[in-house]
Amino acid sequence: MIGRLAFAFLLGGATLLHAQAIATASRVGDLQIGIGYTAAKPDYSQQTFQGVAAYADFDFRPNLGLEAEFHQVNSPNGDQSYQRTYAIGGRYHRNYGPIAPYAKAMIGRGDFNYPQGLTNLGYNLFAGGLGADYAIGLHLRLRGEYEYQRWSGFSPSALTPQLITLGIAYRFANRLR
């Protein structure tokens, strides 16, 4: 009787045994944070506005992730007008050696400061972009990007700025790969 009970116990406990080791470390995703120079056609004047960009990408799957970004572009003639945007959205990318082209779709908020600081108004916006990151070693990435924005509610029609950004990012690489 005791032999049968011990045999049944061993068979029942077999599901607790593992043939492979349980992972002791894993990664949640890849993170990169960058800054850049932005030139924009603001769709409000014929001049090219210039300014800065900041962005962070978090890839939680091999080709999918999120991007958060900030742009501030200013009028070149000193009339105090600018466009400032904050946006977040999804990003899809593929790696081809050191090059990682991507596409993104975002929603956000845009602030428009009218000439001479007459007023500052905020608008909802939708944005889409195409770009590529180029790996320089394990941690640095160069970026080139085109982005099209559509600001709703801007009178008399929607504002549609177009932006070109050149940037550099630091990638927090996981050494366990």
N, C-alpha and C. Protein backbone atom coordinates (compact mmCIF):
# COMPACT_ATOMS: atom_id res chain seq x y z
N MET A 1 0.81 -1.20 0.00
CA MET A 1 0.00 0.00 0.00
C MET A 1 0.85 1.26 0.00
N ILE A 2 1.88 1.31 0.84
CA ILE A 2 2.75 2.49 0.92
C ILE A 2 3.50 2.65 -0.40
N GLY A 3 3.85 1.56 -1.04
CA GLY A 3 4.55 1.63 -2.32
C GLY A 3 3.68 2.26 -3.40
N ARG A 4 2.38 1.87 -3.43
CA ARG A 4 1.46 2.45 -4.42
C ARG A 4 1.24 3.94 -4.14
N LEU A 5 1.15 4.31 -2.89
CA LEU A 5 0.94 5.71 -2.52
C LEU A 5 2.17 6.55 -2.91
N ALA A 6 3.35 6.04 -2.69
CA ALA A 6 4.58 6.75 -3.07
C ALA A 6 4.67 6.86 -4.59
N PHE A 7 4.29 5.82 -5.30
CA PHE A 7 4.31 5.85 -6.76
C PHE A 7 3.33 6.90 -7.30
N ALA A 8 2.12 6.95 -6.74
CA ALA A 8 1.12 7.94 -7.16
C ALA A 8 1.60 9.36 -6.86
N PHE A 9 2.26 9.56 -5.72
CA PHE A 9 2.77 10.86 -5.35
C PHE A 9 3.84 11.32 -6.34
N LEU A 10 4.74 10.41 -6.74
CA LEU A 10 5.79 10.76 -7.69
C LEU A 10 5.22 11.10 -9.06
N LEU A 11 4.20 10.36 -9.50
CA LEU A 11 3.58 10.66 -10.79
C LEU A 11 2.85 12.01 -10.75
N GLY A 12 2.16 12.29 -9.67
CA GLY A 12 1.44 13.55 -9.54
C GLY A 12 2.37 14.74 -9.44
N GLY A 13 3.55 14.55 -8.87
CA GLY A 13 4.51 15.65 -8.73
C GLY A 13 5.35 15.87 -9.96
N ALA A 14 5.24 15.01 -10.98
CA ALA A 14 6.06 15.15 -12.18
C ALA A 14 5.77 16.45 -12.93
N THR A 15 4.56 16.98 -12.81
CA THR A 15 4.25 18.22 -13.52
C THR A 15 4.99 19.41 -12.92
N LEU A 16 5.49 19.27 -11.71
CA LEU A 16 6.24 20.36 -11.08
C LEU A 16 7.70 20.38 -11.53
N LEU A 17 8.17 19.29 -12.14
CA LEU A 17 9.55 19.21 -12.59
C LEU A 17 9.68 19.90 -13.94
N HIS A 18 10.80 20.56 -14.15
CA HIS A 18 11.04 21.26 -15.41
C HIS A 18 12.31 20.72 -16.05
N ALA A 19 12.29 20.55 -17.35
CA ALA A 19 13.47 20.11 -18.06
C ALA A 19 14.36 21.30 -18.42
N GLN A 20 13.82 22.52 -18.39
CA GLN A 20 14.59 23.70 -18.71
C GLN A 20 14.63 24.62 -17.51
N ALA A 21 15.65 25.42 -17.46
CA ALA A 21 15.77 26.37 -16.35
C ALA A 21 14.75 27.49 -16.52
N ILE A 22 14.26 28.00 -15.41
CA ILE A 22 13.36 29.15 -15.43
C ILE A 22 14.20 30.40 -15.59
N ALA A 23 13.76 31.31 -16.45
CA ALA A 23 14.52 32.54 -16.70
C ALA A 23 14.68 33.34 -15.42
N THR A 24 15.91 33.80 -15.18
CA THR A 24 16.17 34.61 -13.99
C THR A 24 16.10 36.10 -14.31
N ALA A 25 16.20 36.46 -15.58
CA ALA A 25 16.10 37.87 -15.97
C ALA A 25 15.39 37.95 -17.31
N SER A 26 14.59 38.94 -17.46
CA SER A 26 13.93 39.15 -18.74
C SER A 26 13.81 40.64 -18.96
N ARG A 27 13.51 41.03 -20.18
CA ARG A 27 13.38 42.45 -20.47
C ARG A 27 11.94 42.77 -20.82
N VAL A 28 11.52 43.94 -20.43
CA VAL A 28 10.17 44.38 -20.71
C VAL A 28 10.08 44.99 -22.10
N GLY A 29 11.12 45.70 -22.52
CA GLY A 29 11.13 46.34 -23.83
C GLY A 29 12.37 47.18 -24.01
N ASP A 30 12.43 47.87 -25.15
CA ASP A 30 13.56 48.74 -25.47
C ASP A 30 13.13 50.19 -25.35
N LEU A 31 13.99 51.02 -24.79
CA LEU A 31 13.72 52.44 -24.60
C LEU A 31 14.83 53.25 -25.24
N GLN A 32 14.44 54.31 -25.98
CA GLN A 32 15.42 55.27 -26.46
C GLN A 32 14.85 56.67 -26.26
N ILE A 33 15.73 57.59 -25.90
CA ILE A 33 15.35 58.98 -25.66
C ILE A 33 16.25 59.86 -26.50
N GLY A 34 15.64 60.82 -27.24
CA GLY A 34 16.44 61.63 -28.13
C GLY A 34 16.02 63.08 -28.20
N ILE A 35 16.89 63.87 -28.82
CA ILE A 35 16.64 65.28 -29.08
C ILE A 35 16.95 65.54 -30.55
N GLY A 36 16.43 66.64 -31.08
CA GLY A 36 16.69 66.92 -32.48
C GLY A 36 16.43 68.36 -32.87
N TYR A 37 16.82 68.65 -34.08
CA TYR A 37 16.56 69.93 -34.73
C TYR A 37 15.37 69.73 -35.67
N THR A 38 14.40 70.66 -35.64
CA THR A 38 13.22 70.55 -36.49
C THR A 38 13.06 71.80 -37.35
N ALA A 39 12.77 71.58 -38.62
CA ALA A 39 12.38 72.66 -39.54
C ALA A 39 10.94 72.36 -39.96
N ALA A 40 10.10 73.40 -39.98
CA ALA A 40 8.67 73.18 -40.24
C ALA A 40 8.12 74.20 -41.23
N LYS A 41 7.24 73.73 -42.07
CA LYS A 41 6.37 74.60 -42.87
C LYS A 41 5.09 74.71 -42.06
N PRO A 42 4.84 75.87 -41.40
CA PRO A 42 3.77 75.94 -40.42
C PRO A 42 2.36 76.02 -41.00
N ASP A 43 2.21 76.22 -42.30
CA ASP A 43 0.90 76.33 -42.95
C ASP A 43 0.15 77.59 -42.49
N TYR A 44 0.87 78.50 -41.86
CA TYR A 44 0.26 79.76 -41.44
C TYR A 44 0.96 80.91 -42.15
N SER A 45 2.22 80.73 -42.47
CA SER A 45 2.98 81.71 -43.23
C SER A 45 3.88 80.95 -44.20
N GLN A 46 4.51 81.66 -45.09
CA GLN A 46 5.37 81.03 -46.10
C GLN A 46 6.77 80.76 -45.57
N GLN A 47 7.09 81.28 -44.40
CA GLN A 47 8.42 81.10 -43.85
C GLN A 47 8.60 79.70 -43.26
N THR A 48 9.85 79.31 -43.16
CA THR A 48 10.18 78.05 -42.48
C THR A 48 10.49 78.35 -41.02
N PHE A 49 9.72 77.73 -40.14
CA PHE A 49 9.98 77.86 -38.70
C PHE A 49 11.06 76.85 -38.33
N GLN A 50 11.87 77.16 -37.34
CA GLN A 50 12.92 76.25 -36.89
C GLN A 50 12.85 76.10 -35.38
N GLY A 51 13.31 74.96 -34.90
CA GLY A 51 13.27 74.75 -33.46
C GLY A 51 13.84 73.42 -33.03
N VAL A 52 13.29 72.90 -31.94
CA VAL A 52 13.81 71.70 -31.31
C VAL A 52 12.74 70.62 -31.19
N ALA A 53 13.20 69.42 -31.00
CA ALA A 53 12.32 68.27 -30.77
C ALA A 53 12.92 67.43 -29.66
N ALA A 54 12.06 66.76 -28.92
CA ALA A 54 12.47 65.76 -27.94
C ALA A 54 11.52 64.57 -28.11
N TYR A 55 12.04 63.37 -28.01
CA TYR A 55 11.20 62.19 -28.23
C TYR A 55 11.69 61.03 -27.38
N ALA A 56 10.76 60.13 -27.10
CA ALA A 56 11.07 58.88 -26.40
C ALA A 56 10.28 57.76 -27.06
N ASP A 57 10.95 56.68 -27.35
CA ASP A 57 10.33 55.50 -27.94
C ASP A 57 10.45 54.34 -26.97
N PHE A 58 9.36 53.63 -26.77
CA PHE A 58 9.38 52.42 -25.96
C PHE A 58 8.78 51.31 -26.79
N ASP A 59 9.60 50.34 -27.19
CA ASP A 59 9.16 49.20 -27.99
C ASP A 59 8.90 48.02 -27.07
N PHE A 60 7.64 47.68 -26.90
CA PHE A 60 7.25 46.58 -26.01
C PHE A 60 7.13 45.26 -26.74
N ARG A 61 7.19 45.25 -28.04
CA ARG A 61 7.21 44.05 -28.89
C ARG A 61 8.37 44.22 -29.87
N PRO A 62 8.79 43.16 -30.56
CA PRO A 62 9.91 43.30 -31.48
C PRO A 62 9.74 44.40 -32.54
N ASN A 63 8.54 44.64 -33.05
CA ASN A 63 8.35 45.67 -34.08
C ASN A 63 7.34 46.74 -33.69
N LEU A 64 6.75 46.65 -32.52
CA LEU A 64 5.71 47.59 -32.11
C LEU A 64 6.10 48.34 -30.85
N GLY A 65 5.68 49.61 -30.82
CA GLY A 65 5.98 50.39 -29.64
C GLY A 65 5.16 51.67 -29.57
N LEU A 66 5.52 52.50 -28.63
CA LEU A 66 4.89 53.80 -28.42
C LEU A 66 5.94 54.88 -28.58
N GLU A 67 5.47 56.05 -29.03
CA GLU A 67 6.35 57.20 -29.10
C GLU A 67 5.65 58.39 -28.47
N ALA A 68 6.40 59.16 -27.69
CA ALA A 68 5.94 60.44 -27.16
C ALA A 68 6.91 61.49 -27.69
N GLU A 69 6.36 62.64 -28.11
CA GLU A 69 7.24 63.65 -28.70
C GLU A 69 6.80 65.05 -28.32
N PHE A 70 7.75 65.97 -28.44
CA PHE A 70 7.54 67.39 -28.21
C PHE A 70 8.25 68.14 -29.33
N HIS A 71 7.59 69.15 -29.92
CA HIS A 71 8.21 70.04 -30.90
C HIS A 71 7.96 71.49 -30.50
N GLN A 72 8.94 72.33 -30.69
CA GLN A 72 8.79 73.78 -30.53
C GLN A 72 9.49 74.40 -31.73
N VAL A 73 8.71 75.03 -32.62
CA VAL A 73 9.28 75.71 -33.77
C VAL A 73 8.86 77.17 -33.73
N ASN A 74 9.81 78.06 -33.99
CA ASN A 74 9.61 79.50 -33.87
C ASN A 74 9.74 80.21 -35.20
N SER A 75 9.05 81.31 -35.34
CA SER A 75 9.15 82.16 -36.51
C SER A 75 10.56 82.74 -36.59
N PRO A 76 11.14 82.82 -37.79
CA PRO A 76 12.50 83.34 -37.91
C PRO A 76 12.58 84.88 -37.86
N ASN A 77 11.46 85.58 -37.96
CA ASN A 77 11.53 87.04 -38.05
C ASN A 77 11.32 87.75 -36.71
N GLY A 78 11.30 87.01 -35.61
CA GLY A 78 11.22 87.63 -34.30
C GLY A 78 9.87 88.20 -33.93
N ASP A 79 8.80 87.75 -34.57
CA ASP A 79 7.46 88.29 -34.26
C ASP A 79 6.77 87.54 -33.12
N GLN A 80 7.48 86.70 -32.41
CA GLN A 80 7.01 85.93 -31.26
C GLN A 80 6.02 84.82 -31.60
N SER A 81 5.80 84.51 -32.86
CA SER A 81 4.89 83.41 -33.19
C SER A 81 5.65 82.08 -33.15
N TYR A 82 4.94 81.05 -32.69
CA TYR A 82 5.53 79.72 -32.63
C TYR A 82 4.42 78.68 -32.66
N GLN A 83 4.82 77.45 -32.93
CA GLN A 83 3.95 76.28 -32.81
C GLN A 83 4.64 75.30 -31.87
N ARG A 84 3.89 74.84 -30.88
CA ARG A 84 4.42 73.88 -29.90
C ARG A 84 3.46 72.70 -29.86
N THR A 85 3.99 71.49 -29.97
CA THR A 85 3.13 70.30 -29.98
C THR A 85 3.62 69.25 -28.99
N TYR A 86 2.64 68.53 -28.44
CA TYR A 86 2.86 67.38 -27.56
C TYR A 86 2.01 66.25 -28.14
N ALA A 87 2.62 65.12 -28.43
CA ALA A 87 1.85 64.03 -29.05
C ALA A 87 2.35 62.67 -28.55
N ILE A 88 1.44 61.69 -28.62
CA ILE A 88 1.77 60.32 -28.25
C ILE A 88 1.01 59.37 -29.18
N GLY A 89 1.61 58.24 -29.49
CA GLY A 89 0.93 57.30 -30.36
C GLY A 89 1.73 56.03 -30.60
N GLY A 90 1.25 55.25 -31.56
CA GLY A 90 1.86 53.97 -31.88
C GLY A 90 2.93 54.10 -32.94
N ARG A 91 3.84 53.14 -32.93
CA ARG A 91 4.96 53.14 -33.87
C ARG A 91 5.24 51.70 -34.31
N TYR A 92 5.44 51.54 -35.61
CA TYR A 92 5.80 50.22 -36.17
C TYR A 92 7.14 50.37 -36.87
N HIS A 93 8.08 49.50 -36.57
CA HIS A 93 9.40 49.57 -37.22
C HIS A 93 9.90 48.18 -37.57
N ARG A 94 10.84 48.14 -38.47
CA ARG A 94 11.53 46.90 -38.87
C ARG A 94 13.02 47.18 -38.87
N ASN A 95 13.81 46.21 -38.45
CA ASN A 95 15.26 46.36 -38.44
C ASN A 95 15.86 45.66 -39.65
N TYR A 96 16.70 46.40 -40.36
CA TYR A 96 17.47 45.88 -41.48
C TYR A 96 18.93 46.22 -41.21
N GLY A 97 19.59 45.37 -40.44
CA GLY A 97 20.95 45.69 -40.02
C GLY A 97 20.91 46.91 -39.11
N PRO A 98 21.73 47.93 -39.40
CA PRO A 98 21.75 49.11 -38.54
C PRO A 98 20.61 50.10 -38.81
N ILE A 99 19.84 49.87 -39.87
CA ILE A 99 18.77 50.81 -40.24
C ILE A 99 17.42 50.26 -39.78
N ALA A 100 16.62 51.13 -39.17
CA ALA A 100 15.29 50.75 -38.70
C ALA A 100 14.26 51.77 -39.19
N PRO A 101 13.69 51.55 -40.41
CA PRO A 101 12.63 52.46 -40.86
C PRO A 101 11.36 52.25 -40.03
N TYR A 102 10.57 53.30 -39.90
CA TYR A 102 9.36 53.21 -39.09
C TYR A 102 8.26 54.11 -39.62
N ALA A 103 7.04 53.82 -39.18
CA ALA A 103 5.86 54.65 -39.43
C ALA A 103 5.17 54.84 -38.09
N LYS A 104 4.53 56.00 -37.92
CA LYS A 104 3.85 56.27 -36.65
C LYS A 104 2.56 57.02 -36.89
N ALA A 105 1.62 56.86 -35.96
CA ALA A 105 0.34 57.59 -35.96
C ALA A 105 0.14 58.09 -34.54
N MET A 106 -0.18 59.40 -34.42
CA MET A 106 -0.22 60.00 -33.09
C MET A 106 -1.40 60.95 -32.92
N ILE A 107 -1.74 61.20 -31.66
CA ILE A 107 -2.71 62.24 -31.31
C ILE A 107 -2.04 63.14 -30.29
N GLY A 108 -2.52 64.38 -30.21
CA GLY A 108 -1.89 65.27 -29.25
C GLY A 108 -2.54 66.63 -29.19
N ARG A 109 -1.75 67.57 -28.75
CA ARG A 109 -2.20 68.93 -28.53
C ARG A 109 -1.17 69.88 -29.11
N GLY A 110 -1.67 70.94 -29.78
CA GLY A 110 -0.79 71.94 -30.34
C GLY A 110 -1.14 73.33 -29.81
N ASP A 111 -0.13 74.09 -29.46
CA ASP A 111 -0.30 75.48 -29.04
C ASP A 111 0.21 76.39 -30.14
N PHE A 112 -0.60 77.38 -30.50
CA PHE A 112 -0.20 78.34 -31.53
C PHE A 112 -0.14 79.72 -30.89
N ASN A 113 1.04 80.33 -30.93
CA ASN A 113 1.21 81.69 -30.43
C ASN A 113 1.20 82.61 -31.65
N TYR A 114 0.19 83.44 -31.72
CA TYR A 114 0.03 84.34 -32.87
C TYR A 114 1.11 85.41 -32.87
N PRO A 115 1.36 86.04 -34.04
CA PRO A 115 2.37 87.09 -34.13
C PRO A 115 2.14 88.19 -33.10
N GLN A 116 3.27 88.73 -32.63
CA GLN A 116 3.30 89.79 -31.62
C GLN A 116 2.69 89.35 -30.30
N GLY A 117 2.51 88.06 -30.09
CA GLY A 117 1.99 87.55 -28.83
C GLY A 117 0.56 87.97 -28.55
N LEU A 118 -0.21 88.23 -29.63
CA LEU A 118 -1.59 88.70 -29.45
C LEU A 118 -2.44 87.69 -28.69
N THR A 119 -2.29 86.44 -28.97
CA THR A 119 -3.03 85.40 -28.26
C THR A 119 -2.32 84.07 -28.42
N ASN A 120 -2.62 83.13 -27.55
CA ASN A 120 -2.08 81.79 -27.61
C ASN A 120 -3.26 80.84 -27.46
N LEU A 121 -3.50 80.02 -28.49
CA LEU A 121 -4.63 79.09 -28.47
C LEU A 121 -4.14 77.66 -28.62
N GLY A 122 -4.91 76.72 -28.04
CA GLY A 122 -4.58 75.31 -28.12
C GLY A 122 -5.56 74.56 -29.01
N TYR A 123 -5.06 73.55 -29.70
CA TYR A 123 -5.87 72.77 -30.64
C TYR A 123 -5.52 71.29 -30.50
N ASN A 124 -6.49 70.42 -30.76
CA ASN A 124 -6.22 68.99 -30.85
C ASN A 124 -5.57 68.71 -32.19
N LEU A 125 -4.72 67.71 -32.23
CA LEU A 125 -4.06 67.39 -33.50
C LEU A 125 -3.93 65.89 -33.69
N PHE A 126 -3.82 65.52 -34.95
CA PHE A 126 -3.52 64.16 -35.38
C PHE A 126 -2.26 64.26 -36.23
N ALA A 127 -1.38 63.28 -36.10
CA ALA A 127 -0.12 63.32 -36.84
C ALA A 127 0.23 61.94 -37.35
N GLY A 128 0.91 61.93 -38.49
CA GLY A 128 1.46 60.70 -39.05
C GLY A 128 2.88 60.99 -39.49
N GLY A 129 3.74 60.00 -39.40
CA GLY A 129 5.13 60.24 -39.77
C GLY A 129 5.82 59.01 -40.29
N LEU A 130 6.88 59.27 -41.05
CA LEU A 130 7.76 58.23 -41.59
C LEU A 130 9.19 58.64 -41.29
N GLY A 131 10.02 57.67 -40.94
CA GLY A 131 11.41 58.01 -40.66
C GLY A 131 12.26 56.77 -40.57
N ALA A 132 13.49 56.98 -40.17
CA ALA A 132 14.42 55.87 -39.98
C ALA A 132 15.42 56.23 -38.90
N ASP A 133 15.77 55.23 -38.11
CA ASP A 133 16.84 55.36 -37.12
C ASP A 133 18.03 54.57 -37.65
N TYR A 134 19.23 55.12 -37.46
CA TYR A 134 20.45 54.46 -37.89
C TYR A 134 21.33 54.22 -36.66
N ALA A 135 21.66 52.96 -36.40
CA ALA A 135 22.44 52.59 -35.22
C ALA A 135 23.91 52.91 -35.41
N ILE A 136 24.46 53.59 -34.41
CA ILE A 136 25.90 53.84 -34.33
C ILE A 136 26.35 53.16 -33.04
N GLY A 137 26.79 51.95 -33.14
CA GLY A 137 27.17 51.20 -31.96
C GLY A 137 25.93 50.68 -31.23
N LEU A 138 26.14 50.29 -29.98
CA LEU A 138 25.07 49.68 -29.19
C LEU A 138 24.06 50.71 -28.68
N HIS A 139 24.50 51.93 -28.37
CA HIS A 139 23.64 52.87 -27.67
C HIS A 139 23.16 54.08 -28.47
N LEU A 140 23.85 54.52 -29.50
CA LEU A 140 23.46 55.75 -30.20
C LEU A 140 22.68 55.47 -31.48
N ARG A 141 21.68 56.31 -31.73
CA ARG A 141 20.85 56.21 -32.93
C ARG A 141 20.71 57.59 -33.55
N LEU A 142 20.95 57.69 -34.86
CA LEU A 142 20.67 58.90 -35.62
C LEU A 142 19.28 58.77 -36.21
N ARG A 143 18.54 59.87 -36.29
CA ARG A 143 17.16 59.83 -36.78
C ARG A 143 16.94 60.88 -37.86
N GLY A 144 16.19 60.47 -38.88
CA GLY A 144 15.67 61.39 -39.89
C GLY A 144 14.19 61.09 -40.02
N GLU A 145 13.35 62.16 -39.98
CA GLU A 145 11.90 61.93 -39.94
C GLU A 145 11.13 63.04 -40.64
N TYR A 146 10.04 62.64 -41.30
CA TYR A 146 9.05 63.56 -41.85
C TYR A 146 7.75 63.34 -41.09
N GLU A 147 7.08 64.44 -40.70
CA GLU A 147 5.81 64.32 -39.98
C GLU A 147 4.80 65.32 -40.56
N TYR A 148 3.58 64.83 -40.74
CA TYR A 148 2.46 65.65 -41.20
C TYR A 148 1.46 65.76 -40.06
N GLN A 149 1.06 66.98 -39.72
CA GLN A 149 0.10 67.19 -38.63
C GLN A 149 -1.17 67.83 -39.17
N ARG A 150 -2.28 67.54 -38.52
CA ARG A 150 -3.55 68.18 -38.83
C ARG A 150 -4.16 68.66 -37.52
N TRP A 151 -4.22 69.99 -37.36
CA TRP A 151 -4.78 70.60 -36.16
C TRP A 151 -6.24 70.89 -36.42
N SER A 152 -7.15 70.34 -35.62
CA SER A 152 -8.59 70.60 -35.82
C SER A 152 -9.02 71.87 -35.11
N GLY A 153 -10.02 72.52 -35.68
CA GLY A 153 -10.62 73.70 -35.07
C GLY A 153 -9.91 75.00 -35.34
N PHE A 154 -8.83 74.99 -36.10
CA PHE A 154 -8.11 76.22 -36.43
C PHE A 154 -8.91 76.98 -37.49
N SER A 155 -9.21 78.24 -37.25
CA SER A 155 -10.01 79.04 -38.21
C SER A 155 -9.12 79.64 -39.28
N PRO A 156 -9.56 79.72 -40.50
CA PRO A 156 -10.85 79.32 -41.06
C PRO A 156 -10.91 77.85 -41.44
N SER A 157 -9.77 77.17 -41.50
CA SER A 157 -9.77 75.73 -41.78
C SER A 157 -8.68 75.09 -40.93
N ALA A 158 -8.54 73.79 -41.00
CA ALA A 158 -7.54 73.09 -40.19
C ALA A 158 -6.12 73.53 -40.58
N LEU A 159 -5.26 73.58 -39.61
CA LEU A 159 -3.85 73.88 -39.82
C LEU A 159 -3.13 72.57 -40.12
N THR A 160 -2.26 72.54 -41.13
CA THR A 160 -1.58 71.31 -41.51
C THR A 160 -0.06 71.52 -41.64
N PRO A 161 0.63 71.67 -40.52
CA PRO A 161 2.08 71.82 -40.58
C PRO A 161 2.78 70.54 -41.03
N GLN A 162 3.94 70.72 -41.65
CA GLN A 162 4.79 69.60 -42.04
C GLN A 162 6.17 69.84 -41.42
N LEU A 163 6.73 68.80 -40.81
CA LEU A 163 7.98 68.94 -40.08
C LEU A 163 9.02 67.93 -40.54
N ILE A 164 10.26 68.38 -40.57
CA ILE A 164 11.41 67.50 -40.82
C ILE A 164 12.28 67.58 -39.57
N THR A 165 12.63 66.43 -39.02
CA THR A 165 13.46 66.40 -37.81
C THR A 165 14.69 65.53 -38.04
N LEU A 166 15.84 66.06 -37.61
CA LEU A 166 17.09 65.31 -37.57
C LEU A 166 17.49 65.21 -36.11
N GLY A 167 17.71 63.99 -35.62
CA GLY A 167 17.97 63.85 -34.20
C GLY A 167 19.00 62.80 -33.87
N ILE A 168 19.30 62.74 -32.58
CA ILE A 168 20.19 61.72 -32.04
C ILE A 168 19.57 61.21 -30.75
N ALA A 169 19.64 59.90 -30.55
CA ALA A 169 19.02 59.29 -29.37
C ALA A 169 19.99 58.36 -28.67
N TYR A 170 19.75 58.20 -27.38
CA TYR A 170 20.48 57.23 -26.59
C TYR A 170 19.54 56.05 -26.36
N ARG A 171 19.99 54.86 -26.71
CA ARG A 171 19.19 53.65 -26.53
C ARG A 171 19.70 52.92 -25.29
N PHE A 172 18.78 52.65 -24.38
CA PHE A 172 19.11 51.91 -23.18
C PHE A 172 19.08 50.43 -23.54
N ALA A 173 20.23 49.93 -23.98
CA ALA A 173 20.32 48.56 -24.49
C ALA A 173 20.33 47.55 -23.35
N ASN A 174 19.67 46.46 -23.61
CA ASN A 174 19.63 45.36 -22.66
C ASN A 174 20.78 44.42 -22.99
N ARG A 175 21.67 44.22 -22.08
CA ARG A 175 22.84 43.38 -22.32
C ARG A 175 22.54 41.90 -22.27
N LEU A 176 21.31 41.52 -21.95
CA LEU A 176 20.96 40.10 -21.85
C LEU A 176 20.55 39.50 -23.19
N ARG A 177 20.48 40.30 -24.21
CA ARG A 177 20.02 39.80 -25.51
C ARG A 177 20.98 38.82 -26.11
